[in-house]
Amino acid sequence: ASALSEALRGGFTPEAPALAARLDADYAKTVAAIRAYQEGCGK
């Protein structure tokens, strides 16, 4: 998220789409881990 926000600070940059894809993967991994935890503890 830090890398993408810096790339977008002044508007679009050519590296933004690749950085957004990296954020997408990290977000999916984070959410999957939290949901697995949530399911395991019954919340």
PDB file of all heavy atoms in Angstrom:
ATOM      1  N   ALA A   1       0.835  -1.210   0.000  1.00  0.00           N
ATOM      2  CA  ALA A   1       0.000   0.000   0.000  1.00  0.00           C
ATOM      3  C   ALA A   1       0.864   1.251   0.000  1.00  0.00           C
ATOM      4  O   ALA A   1       0.535   2.243  -0.659  1.00  0.00           O
ATOM      5  CB  ALA A   1      -0.938  -0.004   1.196  1.00  0.00           C
ATOM      6  N   SER A   2       1.967   1.209   0.710  1.00  0.00           N
ATOM      7  CA  SER A   2       2.887   2.347   0.742  1.00  0.00           C
ATOM      8  C   SER A   2       3.479   2.600  -0.643  1.00  0.00           C
ATOM      9  O   SER A   2       3.521   3.745  -1.114  1.00  0.00           O
ATOM     10  CB  SER A   2       3.999   2.077   1.755  1.00  0.00           C
ATOM     11  OG  SER A   2       4.903   3.150   1.792  1.00  0.00           O
ATOM     12  N   ALA A   3       3.904   1.537  -1.302  1.00  0.00           N
ATOM     13  CA  ALA A   3       4.488   1.688  -2.641  1.00  0.00           C
ATOM     14  C   ALA A   3       3.460   2.250  -3.618  1.00  0.00           C
ATOM     15  O   ALA A   3       3.769   3.152  -4.413  1.00  0.00           O
ATOM     16  CB  ALA A   3       5.017   0.337  -3.126  1.00  0.00           C
ATOM     17  N   LEU A   4       2.228   1.749  -3.563  1.00  0.00           N
ATOM     18  CA  LEU A   4       1.197   2.247  -4.471  1.00  0.00           C
ATOM     19  C   LEU A   4       0.820   3.687  -4.150  1.00  0.00           C
ATOM     20  O   LEU A   4       0.680   4.510  -5.059  1.00  0.00           O
ATOM     21  CB  LEU A   4      -0.044   1.356  -4.422  1.00  0.00           C
ATOM     22  CG  LEU A   4      -1.195   1.793  -5.335  1.00  0.00           C
ATOM     23  CD1 LEU A   4      -0.753   1.841  -6.799  1.00  0.00           C
ATOM     24  CD2 LEU A   4      -2.399   0.875  -5.157  1.00  0.00           C
ATOM     25  N   SER A   5       0.683   4.014  -2.886  1.00  0.00           N
ATOM     26  CA  SER A   5       0.294   5.389  -2.557  1.00  0.00           C
ATOM     27  C   SER A   5       1.380   6.372  -2.996  1.00  0.00           C
ATOM     28  O   SER A   5       1.064   7.447  -3.509  1.00  0.00           O
ATOM     29  CB  SER A   5      -0.060   5.553  -1.078  1.00  0.00           C
ATOM     30  OG  SER A   5       1.058   5.400  -0.258  1.00  0.00           O
ATOM     31  N   GLU A   6       2.628   5.993  -2.855  1.00  0.00           N
ATOM     32  CA  GLU A   6       3.705   6.888  -3.322  1.00  0.00           C
ATOM     33  C   GLU A   6       3.687   7.024  -4.837  1.00  0.00           C
ATOM     34  O   GLU A   6       3.906   8.106  -5.368  1.00  0.00           O
ATOM     35  CB  GLU A   6       5.067   6.395  -2.828  1.00  0.00           C
ATOM     36  CG  GLU A   6       5.284   6.623  -1.352  1.00  0.00           C
ATOM     37  CD  GLU A   6       5.025   8.066  -0.917  1.00  0.00           C
ATOM     38  OE1 GLU A   6       5.586   9.008  -1.526  1.00  0.00           O
ATOM     39  OE2 GLU A   6       4.237   8.266   0.026  1.00  0.00           O
ATOM     40  N   ALA A   7       3.401   5.930  -5.540  1.00  0.00           N
ATOM     41  CA  ALA A   7       3.337   5.986  -7.007  1.00  0.00           C
ATOM     42  C   ALA A   7       2.189   6.860  -7.481  1.00  0.00           C
ATOM     43  O   ALA A   7       2.294   7.503  -8.528  1.00  0.00           O
ATOM     44  CB  ALA A   7       3.204   4.577  -7.576  1.00  0.00           C
ATOM     45  N   LEU A   8       1.097   6.907  -6.711  1.00  0.00           N
ATOM     46  CA  LEU A   8      -0.084   7.680  -7.116  1.00  0.00           C
ATOM     47  C   LEU A   8      -0.110   9.096  -6.540  1.00  0.00           C
ATOM     48  O   LEU A   8      -1.013   9.858  -6.850  1.00  0.00           O
ATOM     49  CB  LEU A   8      -1.358   6.946  -6.666  1.00  0.00           C
ATOM     50  CG  LEU A   8      -1.657   5.627  -7.355  1.00  0.00           C
ATOM     51  CD1 LEU A   8      -2.847   4.942  -6.688  1.00  0.00           C
ATOM     52  CD2 LEU A   8      -1.911   5.832  -8.846  1.00  0.00           C
ATOM     53  N   ARG A   9       0.868   9.430  -5.724  1.00  0.00           N
ATOM     54  CA  ARG A   9       0.853  10.726  -5.034  1.00  0.00           C
ATOM     55  C   ARG A   9       0.651  11.899  -5.997  1.00  0.00           C
ATOM     56  O   ARG A   9      -0.091  12.830  -5.710  1.00  0.00           O
ATOM     57  CB  ARG A   9       2.139  10.916  -4.235  1.00  0.00           C
ATOM     58  CG  ARG A   9       2.109  12.143  -3.353  1.00  0.00           C
ATOM     59  CD  ARG A   9       3.311  12.220  -2.435  1.00  0.00           C
ATOM     60  NE  ARG A   9       3.292  11.193  -1.412  1.00  0.00           N
ATOM     61  CZ  ARG A   9       2.600  11.255  -0.274  1.00  0.00           C
ATOM     62  NH1 ARG A   9       1.827  12.298  -0.035  1.00  0.00           N
ATOM     63  NH2 ARG A   9       2.659  10.290   0.606  1.00  0.00           N
ATOM     64  N   GLY A  10       1.266  11.843  -7.143  1.00  0.00           N
ATOM     65  CA  GLY A  10       1.128  12.938  -8.108  1.00  0.00           C
ATOM     66  C   GLY A  10       0.229  12.602  -9.277  1.00  0.00           C
ATOM     67  O   GLY A  10       0.227  13.290 -10.282  1.00  0.00           O
ATOM     68  N   GLY A  11      -0.525  11.525  -9.177  1.00  0.00           N
ATOM     69  CA  GLY A  11      -1.370  11.077 -10.278  1.00  0.00           C
ATOM     70  C   GLY A  11      -0.858   9.756 -10.821  1.00  0.00           C
ATOM     71  O   GLY A  11      -0.024   9.097 -10.199  1.00  0.00           O
ATOM     72  N   PHE A  12      -1.331   9.377 -11.989  1.00  0.00           N
ATOM     73  CA  PHE A  12      -0.977   8.089 -12.561  1.00  0.00           C
ATOM     74  C   PHE A  12       0.510   8.021 -12.886  1.00  0.00           C
ATOM     75  O   PHE A  12       1.102   8.988 -13.364  1.00  0.00           O
ATOM     76  CB  PHE A  12      -1.771   7.832 -13.845  1.00  0.00           C
ATOM     77  CG  PHE A  12      -1.434   6.516 -14.483  1.00  0.00           C
ATOM     78  CD1 PHE A  12      -1.976   5.350 -13.977  1.00  0.00           C
ATOM     79  CD2 PHE A  12      -0.561   6.449 -15.549  1.00  0.00           C
ATOM     80  CE1 PHE A  12      -1.655   4.120 -14.547  1.00  0.00           C
ATOM     81  CE2 PHE A  12      -0.245   5.239 -16.124  1.00  0.00           C
ATOM     82  CZ  PHE A  12      -0.786   4.069 -15.624  1.00  0.00           C
ATOM     83  N   THR A  13       1.094   6.868 -12.618  1.00  0.00           N
ATOM     84  CA  THR A  13       2.464   6.572 -13.041  1.00  0.00           C
ATOM     85  C   THR A  13       2.442   5.198 -13.703  1.00  0.00           C
ATOM     86  O   THR A  13       1.583   4.363 -13.387  1.00  0.00           O
ATOM     87  CB  THR A  13       3.443   6.555 -11.852  1.00  0.00           C
ATOM     88  OG1 THR A  13       2.995   5.605 -10.893  1.00  0.00           O
ATOM     89  CG2 THR A  13       3.552   7.927 -11.201  1.00  0.00           C
ATOM     90  N   PRO A  14       3.379   4.929 -14.608  1.00  0.00           N
ATOM     91  CA  PRO A  14       3.376   3.647 -15.321  1.00  0.00           C
ATOM     92  C   PRO A  14       3.487   2.417 -14.405  1.00  0.00           C
ATOM     93  O   PRO A  14       2.983   1.351 -14.736  1.00  0.00           O
ATOM     94  CB  PRO A  14       4.592   3.738 -16.245  1.00  0.00           C
ATOM     95  CG  PRO A  14       4.838   5.202 -16.417  1.00  0.00           C
ATOM     96  CD  PRO A  14       4.400   5.843 -15.133  1.00  0.00           C
ATOM     97  N   GLU A  15       4.117   2.577 -13.251  1.00  0.00           N
ATOM     98  CA  GLU A  15       4.264   1.425 -12.349  1.00  0.00           C
ATOM     99  C   GLU A  15       3.021   1.175 -11.489  1.00  0.00           C
ATOM    100  O   GLU A  15       2.917   0.139 -10.829  1.00  0.00           O
ATOM    101  CB  GLU A  15       5.506   1.553 -11.462  1.00  0.00           C
ATOM    102  CG  GLU A  15       5.494   2.706 -10.494  1.00  0.00           C
ATOM    103  CD  GLU A  15       6.070   4.012 -11.039  1.00  0.00           C
ATOM    104  OE1 GLU A  15       6.328   4.122 -12.248  1.00  0.00           O
ATOM    105  OE2 GLU A  15       6.246   4.925 -10.229  1.00  0.00           O
ATOM    106  N   ALA A  16       2.065   2.083 -11.480  1.00  0.00           N
ATOM    107  CA  ALA A  16       0.881   1.952 -10.619  1.00  0.00           C
ATOM    108  C   ALA A  16       0.101   0.649 -10.843  1.00  0.00           C
ATOM    109  O   ALA A  16      -0.271  -0.002  -9.862  1.00  0.00           O
ATOM    110  CB  ALA A  16      -0.028   3.172 -10.766  1.00  0.00           C
ATOM    111  N   PRO A  17      -0.175   0.226 -12.081  1.00  0.00           N
ATOM    112  CA  PRO A  17      -0.935  -1.016 -12.246  1.00  0.00           C
ATOM    113  C   PRO A  17      -0.244  -2.246 -11.636  1.00  0.00           C
ATOM    114  O   PRO A  17      -0.896  -3.070 -10.999  1.00  0.00           O
ATOM    115  CB  PRO A  17      -1.081  -1.150 -13.764  1.00  0.00           C
ATOM    116  CG  PRO A  17      -1.019   0.255 -14.258  1.00  0.00           C
ATOM    117  CD  PRO A  17      -0.008   0.925 -13.360  1.00  0.00           C
ATOM    118  N   ALA A  18       1.053  -2.362 -11.799  1.00  0.00           N
ATOM    119  CA  ALA A  18       1.780  -3.500 -11.214  1.00  0.00           C
ATOM    120  C   ALA A  18       1.775  -3.414  -9.691  1.00  0.00           C
ATOM    121  O   ALA A  18       1.636  -4.433  -9.000  1.00  0.00           O
ATOM    122  CB  ALA A  18       3.209  -3.548 -11.746  1.00  0.00           C
ATOM    123  N   LEU A  19       1.910  -2.207  -9.162  1.00  0.00           N
ATOM    124  CA  LEU A  19       1.872  -2.031  -7.706  1.00  0.00           C
ATOM    125  C   LEU A  19       0.468  -2.317  -7.160  1.00  0.00           C
ATOM    126  O   LEU A  19       0.330  -2.872  -6.070  1.00  0.00           O
ATOM    127  CB  LEU A  19       2.324  -0.623  -7.328  1.00  0.00           C
ATOM    128  CG  LEU A  19       3.803  -0.328  -7.615  1.00  0.00           C
ATOM    129  CD1 LEU A  19       4.095   1.154  -7.412  1.00  0.00           C
ATOM    130  CD2 LEU A  19       4.709  -1.190  -6.759  1.00  0.00           C
ATOM    131  N   ALA A  20      -0.548  -1.959  -7.924  1.00  0.00           N
ATOM    132  CA  ALA A  20      -1.922  -2.263  -7.513  1.00  0.00           C
ATOM    133  C   ALA A  20      -2.155  -3.778  -7.503  1.00  0.00           C
ATOM    134  O   ALA A  20      -2.824  -4.301  -6.604  1.00  0.00           O
ATOM    135  CB  ALA A  20      -2.924  -1.572  -8.441  1.00  0.00           C
ATOM    136  N   ALA A  21      -1.583  -4.482  -8.463  1.00  0.00           N
ATOM    137  CA  ALA A  21      -1.709  -5.946  -8.500  1.00  0.00           C
ATOM    138  C   ALA A  21      -1.020  -6.567  -7.285  1.00  0.00           C
ATOM    139  O   ALA A  21      -1.537  -7.528  -6.697  1.00  0.00           O
ATOM    140  CB  ALA A  21      -1.121  -6.500  -9.796  1.00  0.00           C
ATOM    141  N   ARG A  22       0.124  -6.021  -6.899  1.00  0.00           N
ATOM    142  CA  ARG A  22       0.817  -6.515  -5.704  1.00  0.00           C
ATOM    143  C   ARG A  22      -0.032  -6.262  -4.456  1.00  0.00           C
ATOM    144  O   ARG A  22      -0.168  -7.126  -3.590  1.00  0.00           O
ATOM    145  CB  ARG A  22       2.183  -5.832  -5.580  1.00  0.00           C
ATOM    146  CG  ARG A  22       2.982  -6.303  -4.393  1.00  0.00           C
ATOM    147  CD  ARG A  22       4.356  -5.670  -4.376  1.00  0.00           C
ATOM    148  NE  ARG A  22       4.759  -5.468  -3.003  1.00  0.00           N
ATOM    149  CZ  ARG A  22       5.530  -4.501  -2.585  1.00  0.00           C
ATOM    150  NH1 ARG A  22       6.026  -3.615  -3.418  1.00  0.00           N
ATOM    151  NH2 ARG A  22       5.838  -4.396  -1.321  1.00  0.00           N
ATOM    152  N   LEU A  23      -0.626  -5.072  -4.362  1.00  0.00           N
ATOM    153  CA  LEU A  23      -1.506  -4.774  -3.236  1.00  0.00           C
ATOM    154  C   LEU A  23      -2.702  -5.715  -3.228  1.00  0.00           C
ATOM    155  O   LEU A  23      -3.095  -6.203  -2.170  1.00  0.00           O
ATOM    156  CB  LEU A  23      -1.958  -3.315  -3.287  1.00  0.00           C
ATOM    157  CG  LEU A  23      -2.757  -2.850  -2.063  1.00  0.00           C
ATOM    158  CD1 LEU A  23      -2.455  -1.400  -1.762  1.00  0.00           C
ATOM    159  CD2 LEU A  23      -4.234  -3.045  -2.250  1.00  0.00           C
ATOM    160  N   ASP A  24      -3.274  -5.992  -4.400  1.00  0.00           N
ATOM    161  CA  ASP A  24      -4.406  -6.923  -4.481  1.00  0.00           C
ATOM    162  C   ASP A  24      -4.035  -8.275  -3.872  1.00  0.00           C
ATOM    163  O   ASP A  24      -4.805  -8.841  -3.096  1.00  0.00           O
ATOM    164  CB  ASP A  24      -4.829  -7.149  -5.941  1.00  0.00           C
ATOM    165  CG  ASP A  24      -5.515  -5.959  -6.568  1.00  0.00           C
ATOM    166  OD1 ASP A  24      -5.969  -5.058  -5.836  1.00  0.00           O
ATOM    167  OD2 ASP A  24      -5.610  -5.932  -7.812  1.00  0.00           O
ATOM    168  N   ALA A  25      -2.867  -8.783  -4.215  1.00  0.00           N
ATOM    169  CA  ALA A  25      -2.424 -10.089  -3.705  1.00  0.00           C
ATOM    170  C   ALA A  25      -2.214 -10.039  -2.194  1.00  0.00           C
ATOM    171  O   ALA A  25      -2.629 -10.957  -1.471  1.00  0.00           O
ATOM    172  CB  ALA A  25      -1.146 -10.523  -4.417  1.00  0.00           C
ATOM    173  N   ASP A  26      -1.587  -8.978  -1.713  1.00  0.00           N
ATOM    174  CA  ASP A  26      -1.347  -8.855  -0.267  1.00  0.00           C
ATOM    175  C   ASP A  26      -2.653  -8.664   0.496  1.00  0.00           C
ATOM    176  O   ASP A  26      -2.819  -9.192   1.595  1.00  0.00           O
ATOM    177  CB  ASP A  26      -0.380  -7.711   0.034  1.00  0.00           C
ATOM    178  CG  ASP A  26       1.038  -8.020  -0.402  1.00  0.00           C
ATOM    179  OD1 ASP A  26       1.396  -9.217  -0.497  1.00  0.00           O
ATOM    180  OD2 ASP A  26       1.799  -7.064  -0.646  1.00  0.00           O
ATOM    181  N   TYR A  27      -3.574  -7.925  -0.084  1.00  0.00           N
ATOM    182  CA  TYR A  27      -4.880  -7.734   0.553  1.00  0.00           C
ATOM    183  C   TYR A  27      -5.620  -9.071   0.637  1.00  0.00           C
ATOM    184  O   TYR A  27      -6.167  -9.417   1.683  1.00  0.00           O
ATOM    185  CB  TYR A  27      -5.711  -6.702  -0.224  1.00  0.00           C
ATOM    186  CG  TYR A  27      -7.061  -6.460   0.398  1.00  0.00           C
ATOM    187  CD1 TYR A  27      -7.210  -5.556   1.441  1.00  0.00           C
ATOM    188  CD2 TYR A  27      -8.189  -7.154  -0.036  1.00  0.00           C
ATOM    189  CE1 TYR A  27      -8.450  -5.344   2.035  1.00  0.00           C
ATOM    190  CE2 TYR A  27      -9.431  -6.942   0.545  1.00  0.00           C
ATOM    191  CZ  TYR A  27      -9.556  -6.035   1.581  1.00  0.00           C
ATOM    192  OH  TYR A  27     -10.781  -5.838   2.167  1.00  0.00           O
ATOM    193  N   ALA A  28      -5.622  -9.824  -0.449  1.00  0.00           N
ATOM    194  CA  ALA A  28      -6.301 -11.120  -0.469  1.00  0.00           C
ATOM    195  C   ALA A  28      -5.697 -12.060   0.577  1.00  0.00           C
ATOM    196  O   ALA A  28      -6.432 -12.765   1.283  1.00  0.00           O
ATOM    197  CB  ALA A  28      -6.219 -11.747  -1.862  1.00  0.00           C
ATOM    198  N   LYS A  29      -4.383 -12.058   0.689  1.00  0.00           N
ATOM    199  CA  LYS A  29      -3.711 -12.913   1.670  1.00  0.00           C
ATOM    200  C   LYS A  29      -4.062 -12.484   3.094  1.00  0.00           C
ATOM    201  O   LYS A  29      -4.320 -13.326   3.962  1.00  0.00           O
ATOM    202  CB  LYS A  29      -2.194 -12.850   1.446  1.00  0.00           C
ATOM    203  CG  LYS A  29      -1.396 -13.784   2.316  1.00  0.00           C
ATOM    204  CD  LYS A  29       0.057 -13.894   1.875  1.00  0.00           C
ATOM    205  CE  LYS A  29       0.811 -12.614   2.105  1.00  0.00           C
ATOM    206  NZ  LYS A  29       2.257 -12.756   1.918  1.00  0.00           N
ATOM    207  N   THR A  30      -4.115 -11.191   3.333  1.00  0.00           N
ATOM    208  CA  THR A  30      -4.451 -10.667   4.655  1.00  0.00           C
ATOM    209  C   THR A  30      -5.881 -11.025   5.035  1.00  0.00           C
ATOM    210  O   THR A  30      -6.144 -11.532   6.132  1.00  0.00           O
ATOM    211  CB  THR A  30      -4.249  -9.135   4.689  1.00  0.00           C
ATOM    212  OG1 THR A  30      -2.876  -8.849   4.397  1.00  0.00           O
ATOM    213  CG2 THR A  30      -4.618  -8.544   6.036  1.00  0.00           C
ATOM    214  N   VAL A  31      -6.809 -10.782   4.137  1.00  0.00           N
ATOM    215  CA  VAL A  31      -8.220 -11.074   4.399  1.00  0.00           C
ATOM    216  C   VAL A  31      -8.434 -12.574   4.582  1.00  0.00           C
ATOM    217  O   VAL A  31      -9.179 -12.992   5.479  1.00  0.00           O
ATOM    218  CB  VAL A  31      -9.108 -10.491   3.273  1.00  0.00           C
ATOM    219  CG1 VAL A  31     -10.524 -11.032   3.337  1.00  0.00           C
ATOM    220  CG2 VAL A  31      -9.118  -8.968   3.363  1.00  0.00           C
ATOM    221  N   ALA A  32      -7.774 -13.388   3.775  1.00  0.00           N
ATOM    222  CA  ALA A  32      -7.924 -14.847   3.912  1.00  0.00           C
ATOM    223  C   ALA A  32      -7.434 -15.314   5.281  1.00  0.00           C
ATOM    224  O   ALA A  32      -8.062 -16.167   5.920  1.00  0.00           O
ATOM    225  CB  ALA A  32      -7.161 -15.562   2.796  1.00  0.00           C
ATOM    226  N   ALA A  33      -6.320 -14.764   5.743  1.00  0.00           N
ATOM    227  CA  ALA A  33      -5.789 -15.142   7.055  1.00  0.00           C
ATOM    228  C   ALA A  33      -6.742 -14.730   8.175  1.00  0.00           C
ATOM    229  O   ALA A  33      -7.004 -15.502   9.101  1.00  0.00           O
ATOM    230  CB  ALA A  33      -4.408 -14.524   7.267  1.00  0.00           C
ATOM    231  N   ILE A  34      -7.281 -13.511   8.083  1.00  0.00           N
ATOM    232  CA  ILE A  34      -8.210 -13.037   9.119  1.00  0.00           C
ATOM    233  C   ILE A  34      -9.483 -13.882   9.115  1.00  0.00           C
ATOM    234  O   ILE A  34      -9.991 -14.262  10.175  1.00  0.00           O
ATOM    235  CB  ILE A  34      -8.531 -11.537   8.944  1.00  0.00           C
ATOM    236  CG1 ILE A  34      -7.274 -10.696   9.149  1.00  0.00           C
ATOM    237  CG2 ILE A  34      -9.629 -11.104   9.919  1.00  0.00           C
ATOM    238  CD1 ILE A  34      -7.434  -9.238   8.729  1.00  0.00           C
ATOM    239  N   ARG A  35      -9.994 -14.191   7.951  1.00  0.00           N
ATOM    240  CA  ARG A  35     -11.211 -15.013   7.872  1.00  0.00           C
ATOM    241  C   ARG A  35     -10.969 -16.420   8.405  1.00  0.00           C
ATOM    242  O   ARG A  35     -11.832 -16.990   9.072  1.00  0.00           O
ATOM    243  CB  ARG A  35     -11.740 -15.046   6.451  1.00  0.00           C
ATOM    244  CG  ARG A  35     -12.386 -13.723   6.077  1.00  0.00           C
ATOM    245  CD  ARG A  35     -13.166 -13.802   4.792  1.00  0.00           C
ATOM    246  NE  ARG A  35     -13.814 -12.517   4.556  1.00  0.00           N
ATOM    247  CZ  ARG A  35     -13.842 -11.888   3.397  1.00  0.00           C
ATOM    248  NH1 ARG A  35     -13.267 -12.426   2.335  1.00  0.00           N
ATOM    249  NH2 ARG A  35     -14.447 -10.731   3.280  1.00  0.00           N
ATOM    250  N   ALA A  36      -9.804 -16.980   8.110  1.00  0.00           N
ATOM    251  CA  ALA A  36      -9.475 -18.313   8.645  1.00  0.00           C
ATOM    252  C   ALA A  36      -9.411 -18.259  10.168  1.00  0.00           C
ATOM    253  O   ALA A  36      -9.907 -19.164  10.849  1.00  0.00           O
ATOM    254  CB  ALA A  36      -8.156 -18.806   8.061  1.00  0.00           C
ATOM    255  N   TYR A  37      -8.827 -17.189  10.697  1.00  0.00           N
ATOM    256  CA  TYR A  37      -8.794 -17.014  12.145  1.00  0.00           C
ATOM    257  C   TYR A  37     -10.214 -16.881  12.693  1.00  0.00           C
ATOM    258  O   TYR A  37     -10.583 -17.532  13.663  1.00  0.00           O
ATOM    259  CB  TYR A  37      -7.959 -15.788  12.531  1.00  0.00           C
ATOM    260  CG  TYR A  37      -8.089 -15.454  13.992  1.00  0.00           C
ATOM    261  CD1 TYR A  37      -7.416 -16.206  14.954  1.00  0.00           C
ATOM    262  CD2 TYR A  37      -8.927 -14.418  14.416  1.00  0.00           C
ATOM    263  CE1 TYR A  37      -7.574 -15.929  16.306  1.00  0.00           C
ATOM    264  CE2 TYR A  37      -9.084 -14.142  15.761  1.00  0.00           C
ATOM    265  CZ  TYR A  37      -8.396 -14.889  16.695  1.00  0.00           C
ATOM    266  OH  TYR A  37      -8.558 -14.626  18.036  1.00  0.00           O
ATOM    267  N   GLN A  38     -10.994 -16.051  12.043  1.00  0.00           N
ATOM    268  CA  GLN A  38     -12.376 -15.798  12.474  1.00  0.00           C
ATOM    269  C   GLN A  38     -13.197 -17.085  12.482  1.00  0.00           C
ATOM    270  O   GLN A  38     -13.936 -17.347  13.434  1.00  0.00           O
ATOM    271  CB  GLN A  38     -13.000 -14.772  11.520  1.00  0.00           C
ATOM    272  CG  GLN A  38     -14.369 -14.292  11.882  1.00  0.00           C
ATOM    273  CD  GLN A  38     -14.876 -13.266  10.871  1.00  0.00           C
ATOM    274  OE1 GLN A  38     -14.656 -13.391   9.680  1.00  0.00           O
ATOM    275  NE2 GLN A  38     -15.537 -12.239  11.375  1.00  0.00           N
ATOM    276  N   GLU A  39     -13.079 -17.884  11.460  1.00  0.00           N
ATOM    277  CA  GLU A  39     -13.816 -19.150  11.384  1.00  0.00           C
ATOM    278  C   GLU A  39     -13.346 -20.112  12.469  1.00  0.00           C
ATOM    279  O   GLU A  39     -14.156 -20.827  13.047  1.00  0.00           O
ATOM    280  CB  GLU A  39     -13.642 -19.774  10.016  1.00  0.00           C
ATOM    281  CG  GLU A  39     -14.381 -19.034   8.929  1.00  0.00           C
ATOM    282  CD  GLU A  39     -14.039 -19.518   7.537  1.00  0.00           C
ATOM    283  OE1 GLU A  39     -13.381 -20.570   7.376  1.00  0.00           O
ATOM    284  OE2 GLU A  39     -14.440 -18.832   6.572  1.00  0.00           O
ATOM    285  N   GLY A  40     -12.062 -20.109  12.748  1.00  0.00           N
ATOM    286  CA  GLY A  40     -11.511 -21.014  13.743  1.00  0.00           C
ATOM    287  C   GLY A  40     -11.917 -20.680  15.168  1.00  0.00           C
ATOM    288  O   GLY A  40     -11.970 -21.551  16.020  1.00  0.00           O
ATOM    289  N   CYS A  41     -12.206 -19.405  15.416  1.00  0.00           N
ATOM    290  CA  CYS A  41     -12.573 -19.024  16.781  1.00  0.00           C
ATOM    291  C   CYS A  41     -14.079 -18.784  16.923  1.00  0.00           C
ATOM    292  O   CYS A  41     -14.535 -18.369  17.978  1.00  0.00           O
ATOM    293  CB  CYS A  41     -11.762 -17.826  17.261  1.00  0.00           C
ATOM    294  SG  CYS A  41     -12.062 -16.291  16.392  1.00  0.00           S
ATOM    295  N   GLY A  42     -14.830 -19.023  15.852  1.00  0.00           N
ATOM    296  CA  GLY A  42     -16.291 -18.944  15.936  1.00  0.00           C
ATOM    297  C   GLY A  42     -16.849 -17.541  16.026  1.00  0.00           C
ATOM    298  O   GLY A  42     -17.923 -17.337  16.555  1.00  0.00           O
ATOM    299  N   LYS A  43     -16.166 -16.546  15.509  1.00  0.00           N
ATOM    300  CA  LYS A  43     -16.656 -15.162  15.587  1.00  0.00           C
ATOM    301  C   LYS A  43     -17.313 -14.741  14.296  1.00  0.00           C
ATOM    302  O   LYS A  43     -17.020 -15.132  13.257  1.00  0.00           O
ATOM    303  CB  LYS A  43     -15.510 -14.231  15.929  1.00  0.00           C
ATOM    304  CG  LYS A  43     -14.983 -14.552  17.296  1.00  0.00           C
ATOM    305  CD  LYS A  43     -14.110 -13.478  17.814  1.00  0.00           C
ATOM    306  CE  LYS A  43     -13.562 -13.916  19.128  1.00  0.00           C
ATOM    307  NZ  LYS A  43     -13.769 -13.130  20.214  1.00  0.00           N
TER     308      LYS A  43
END
